[in-house]
Each structure stands twice: as C-alpha cells, then as structure tokens.
C-alpha atoms as a PDB file:
ATOM      1  CA  MET A   1       9.377  -0.573   3.083  1.00  0.00           C
ATOM      2  CA  SER A   2      10.811   1.044  -0.281  1.00  0.00           C
ATOM      3  CA  LEU A   3       9.363  -0.879  -3.162  1.00  0.00           C
ATOM      4  CA  ASP A   4      11.089  -1.064  -6.679  1.00  0.00           C
ATOM      5  CA  LEU A   5       7.938  -1.536  -8.776  1.00  0.00           C
ATOM      6  CA  ASP A   6       9.723  -1.892 -11.942  1.00  0.00           C
ATOM      7  CA  SER A   7      11.734  -4.804 -10.615  1.00  0.00           C
ATOM      8  CA  VAL A   8       8.611  -6.616  -9.405  1.00  0.00           C
ATOM      9  CA  ILE A   9       6.704  -5.903 -12.370  1.00  0.00           C
ATOM     10  CA  GLU A  10       9.676  -7.074 -14.497  1.00  0.00           C
ATOM     11  CA  ARG A  11       9.711 -10.554 -12.640  1.00  0.00           C
ATOM     12  CA  LEU A  12       5.876 -10.859 -12.985  1.00  0.00           C
ATOM     13  CA  GLU A  13       6.190 -10.112 -16.721  1.00  0.00           C
ATOM     14  CA  SER A  14       8.982 -12.893 -16.947  1.00  0.00           C
ATOM     15  CA  ALA A  15       6.202 -15.261 -16.959  1.00  0.00           C
ATOM     16  CA  ARG A  16       5.070 -14.034 -20.346  1.00  0.00           C
ATOM     17  CA  GLY A  17       5.074 -16.969 -22.732  1.00  0.00           C
ATOM     18  CA  SER A  18       5.322 -19.662 -20.214  1.00  0.00           C
ATOM     19  CA  ARG A  19       2.665 -22.122 -19.664  1.00  0.00           C
ATOM     20  CA  PRO A  20      -0.344 -21.035 -17.455  1.00  0.00           C
ATOM     21  CA  GLY A  21       0.411 -21.706 -13.807  1.00  0.00           C
ATOM     22  CA  THR A  22       4.135 -20.961 -13.880  1.00  0.00           C
ATOM     23  CA  CYS A  23       5.087 -19.601 -10.551  1.00  0.00           C
ATOM     24  CA  VAL A  24       6.745 -16.138 -10.214  1.00  0.00           C
ATOM     25  CA  SER A  25       8.509 -15.594  -6.887  1.00  0.00           C
ATOM     26  CA  ILE A  26       7.618 -12.403  -5.006  1.00  0.00           C
ATOM     27  CA  SER A  27       7.718 -11.895  -1.262  1.00  0.00           C
ATOM     28  CA  ASP A  28       4.635 -11.323   1.034  1.00  0.00           C
ATOM     29  CA  LYS A  29       6.004  -7.801   1.536  1.00  0.00           C
ATOM     30  CA  GLU A  30       6.322  -7.053  -2.155  1.00  0.00           C
ATOM     31  CA  ALA A  31       3.061  -8.268  -2.728  1.00  0.00           C
ATOM     32  CA  ALA A  32       1.396  -6.243  -0.051  1.00  0.00           C
ATOM     33  CA  ALA A  33       3.454  -3.155  -1.235  1.00  0.00           C
ATOM     34  CA  LEU A  34       2.362  -3.768  -4.717  1.00  0.00           C
ATOM     35  CA  ILE A  35      -1.282  -3.837  -3.839  1.00  0.00           C
ATOM     36  CA  ALA A  36      -0.996  -0.776  -1.740  1.00  0.00           C
ATOM     37  CA  ALA A  37       0.656   1.103  -4.591  1.00  0.00           C
ATOM     38  CA  ALA A  38      -2.139  -0.032  -7.047  1.00  0.00           C
ATOM     39  CA  GLU A  39      -4.760   0.836  -4.406  1.00  0.00           C
ATOM     40  CA  GLU A  40      -3.224   4.428  -4.337  1.00  0.00           C
ATOM     41  CA  VAL A  41      -3.127   4.824  -7.963  1.00  0.00           C
ATOM     42  CA  VAL A  42      -6.951   3.795  -8.331  1.00  0.00           C
ATOM     43  CA  LEU A  43      -8.083   5.872  -5.527  1.00  0.00           C
ATOM     44  CA  ARG A  44      -6.481   9.013  -7.494  1.00  0.00           C
ATOM     45  CA  GLN A  45      -8.549   8.309 -10.494  1.00  0.00           C
ATOM     46  CA  PRO A  46     -11.683  10.237 -11.003  1.00  0.00           C
ATOM     47  CA  VAL A  47     -15.061   8.352 -11.069  1.00  0.00           C
ATOM     48  CA  LEU A  48     -15.653   9.311 -14.724  1.00  0.00           C
ATOM     49  CA  LEU A  49     -12.740   8.726 -17.099  1.00  0.00           C
ATOM     50  CA  GLN A  50     -12.505  10.847 -20.271  1.00  0.00           C
ATOM     51  CA  ILE A  51     -11.001   8.468 -22.809  1.00  0.00           C
ATOM     52  CA  GLU A  52     -10.641   8.620 -26.461  1.00  0.00           C
ATOM     53  CA  ALA A  53     -11.170   6.075 -29.197  1.00  0.00           C
ATOM     54  CA  PRO A  54      -9.873   3.677 -30.112  1.00  0.00           C
ATOM     55  CA  LEU A  55     -10.203   1.470 -26.913  1.00  0.00           C
ATOM     56  CA  GLN A  56     -10.293  -2.246 -26.032  1.00  0.00           C
ATOM     57  CA  ILE A  57     -12.642  -3.388 -23.519  1.00  0.00           C
ATOM     58  CA  VAL A  58     -12.011  -6.825 -22.118  1.00  0.00           C
ATOM     59  CA  GLY A  59     -14.233  -8.867 -19.556  1.00  0.00           C
ATOM     60  CA  ASP A  60     -13.365 -10.236 -16.333  1.00  0.00           C
ATOM     61  CA  ILE A  61     -10.218 -12.421 -16.441  1.00  0.00           C
ATOM     62  CA  HIS A  62     -11.383 -14.125 -13.034  1.00  0.00           C
ATOM     63  CA  GLY A  63      -7.738 -13.518 -11.450  1.00  0.00           C
ATOM     64  CA  GLN A  64      -5.999 -15.359 -14.101  1.00  0.00           C
ATOM     65  CA  PHE A  65      -2.693 -13.667 -14.523  1.00  0.00           C
ATOM     66  CA  HIS A  66      -1.637 -15.756 -17.502  1.00  0.00           C
ATOM     67  CA  ASP A  67      -4.802 -14.354 -19.215  1.00  0.00           C
ATOM     68  CA  LEU A  68      -3.730 -10.725 -18.313  1.00  0.00           C
ATOM     69  CA  LEU A  69      -0.312 -11.274 -19.721  1.00  0.00           C
ATOM     70  CA  ARG A  70      -1.871 -12.550 -23.202  1.00  0.00           C
ATOM     71  CA  LEU A  71      -4.062  -9.574 -23.257  1.00  0.00           C
ATOM     72  CA  PHE A  72      -0.871  -7.357 -23.028  1.00  0.00           C
ATOM     73  CA  GLU A  73       0.751  -9.470 -25.808  1.00  0.00           C
ATOM     74  CA  PHE A  74      -2.234  -8.941 -27.881  1.00  0.00           C
ATOM     75  CA  ARG A  75      -3.073  -4.902 -27.357  1.00  0.00           C
ATOM     76  CA  GLY A  76       0.018  -3.936 -25.565  1.00  0.00           C
ATOM     77  CA  VAL A  77       0.720  -2.925 -21.971  1.00  0.00           C
ATOM     78  CA  PRO A  78      -1.246   0.179 -20.879  1.00  0.00           C
ATOM     79  CA  PRO A  79       0.544   3.584 -20.574  1.00  0.00           C
END
C-alpha cells in the first residue's frame, strides 16, 4: 500500500490546540503503514547518536498524543 505520510501526519497534527482526547480518524491500514515506516526509520539509526547542543530531553509521555503535540508547540517539530 502506498502511503502519503504527509497527509496522515497533517491529519494527526490537526488535533493541535484541541482538547485532549479529540479523535483523529486514520484507517487501520494507515496506522499499520505509519508504524512500519517509523520502524524502518528507527532501525536505520545508529545505536550511538552524535548530536549537538542545545538539545531538549523529555521524559516518557506514556502514549499521550496530546502531550506530544504540546511538546512540538513548545520546542518545534523535529527535523
């Protein structure tokens, strides 16, 4: 299945500024494809990352998507 990642991410980001628990509709196939694409990116990363300051380290958000969106508002979306 060809997945338009930008379209899915745009729909997910549309919840920004909404109340926590706001539903964003993506299909099972889109969710599975998004997870597979993310897994592919993670598996290509080296075990040791060489990063430069400044950097922001955040704790576990416990799967709370709204909290992730708030972090993106505070520090910006990662490159």
